Amino acid sequence: MASEKVPEPTTTKPAEIPAEVQVMLDRLEEIKNMDRSDLESSDRKALRAEVRDIKKKVRASGNGLYISGGAIIIILLLIIIL
């Protein structure tokens, strides 16, 4: 009889989100849950601008590496050629 090992559960920490980014994400959730039907058009425009600004800041604060589609194609072509 083969002995079976029971896999041990792995504990992984979720990536910690900086406090300033968490504040921005909380504000986005607040705007998302807001009832915007009774707002005037100027208020809605201001909210849209705020959401765009927050999303831009959150993306800029990330430590990720973004590569465009064209750059990936060029890299692949160079790898194939060389």
Protein backbone atom coordinates (compact mmCIF):
# COMPACT_ATOMS: atom_id res chain seq x y z
CA MET A 1 0.00 0.00 0.00
CA ALA A 2 1.30 3.38 -0.93
CA SER A 3 1.18 5.95 1.76
CA GLU A 4 -0.66 9.08 0.80
CA LYS A 5 0.51 12.47 1.95
CA VAL A 6 -2.11 14.97 2.85
CA PRO A 7 -1.14 18.29 1.26
CA GLU A 8 -0.50 20.95 3.84
CA PRO A 9 -2.46 24.14 3.33
CA THR A 10 -0.24 26.96 2.26
CA THR A 11 -0.69 30.31 3.86
CA THR A 12 -0.10 33.18 1.51
CA LYS A 13 -0.31 36.77 2.57
CA PRO A 14 -2.30 38.98 0.26
CA ALA A 15 -0.28 41.86 -1.10
CA GLU A 16 -0.54 44.75 1.29
CA ILE A 17 -2.12 47.83 -0.18
CA PRO A 18 -0.58 51.17 0.82
CA ALA A 19 -2.83 53.35 3.00
CA GLU A 20 -3.14 56.18 0.47
CA VAL A 21 -4.17 53.74 -2.27
CA GLN A 22 -6.71 52.12 0.06
CA VAL A 23 -8.25 55.54 0.74
CA MET A 24 -8.63 56.10 -3.01
CA LEU A 25 -10.16 52.66 -3.50
CA ASP A 26 -12.60 53.31 -0.67
CA ARG A 27 -13.62 56.57 -2.33
CA LEU A 28 -14.20 54.73 -5.62
CA GLU A 29 -16.46 52.23 -3.83
CA GLU A 30 -18.31 55.11 -2.18
CA ILE A 31 -18.90 56.76 -5.57
CA LYS A 32 -19.92 53.44 -7.10
CA ASN A 33 -22.54 52.84 -4.39
CA MET A 34 -23.84 56.42 -4.54
CA ASP A 35 -27.28 57.19 -5.98
CA ARG A 36 -26.41 59.46 -8.87
CA SER A 37 -29.92 59.78 -10.32
CA ASP A 38 -30.74 62.91 -8.31
CA LEU A 39 -27.48 64.71 -9.12
CA GLU A 40 -27.23 67.55 -11.61
CA SER A 41 -25.20 67.06 -14.76
CA SER A 42 -22.39 69.28 -13.49
CA ASP A 43 -22.12 67.15 -10.34
CA ARG A 44 -22.02 63.96 -12.42
CA LYS A 45 -19.27 65.44 -14.58
CA ALA A 46 -17.30 66.31 -11.47
CA LEU A 47 -17.69 62.75 -10.16
CA ARG A 48 -16.57 61.28 -13.50
CA ALA A 49 -13.52 63.52 -13.47
CA GLU A 50 -12.76 62.49 -9.89
CA VAL A 51 -13.08 58.80 -10.77
CA ARG A 52 -10.75 59.19 -13.76
CA ASP A 53 -8.23 61.07 -11.62
CA ILE A 54 -8.33 58.44 -8.86
CA LYS A 55 -7.95 55.57 -11.32
CA LYS A 56 -4.99 57.32 -12.95
CA LYS A 57 -3.30 57.81 -9.56
CA VAL A 58 -3.92 54.20 -8.53
CA ARG A 59 -2.42 52.91 -11.77
CA ALA A 60 0.57 55.23 -11.41
CA SER A 61 1.22 54.11 -7.85
CA GLY A 62 1.33 50.45 -8.85
CA ASN A 63 4.67 48.69 -9.09
CA GLY A 64 3.68 46.74 -12.17
CA LEU A 65 5.38 46.70 -15.53
CA TYR A 66 3.14 47.56 -18.46
CA ILE A 67 4.16 46.55 -21.97
CA SER A 68 2.15 47.60 -24.98
CA GLY A 69 0.98 45.15 -27.62
CA GLY A 70 3.37 46.59 -30.20
CA ALA A 71 6.32 46.17 -27.87
CA ILE A 72 5.42 42.52 -27.30
CA ILE A 73 5.25 41.89 -31.05
CA ILE A 74 8.65 43.52 -31.59
CA ILE A 75 10.19 41.52 -28.75
CA LEU A 76 8.77 38.28 -30.16
CA LEU A 77 10.05 39.11 -33.66
CA LEU A 78 13.52 39.83 -32.29
CA ILE A 79 13.54 36.55 -30.38
CA ILE A 80 12.47 34.62 -33.48
CA ILE A 81 14.99 36.37 -35.76
CA LEU A 82 17.92 36.09 -33.39
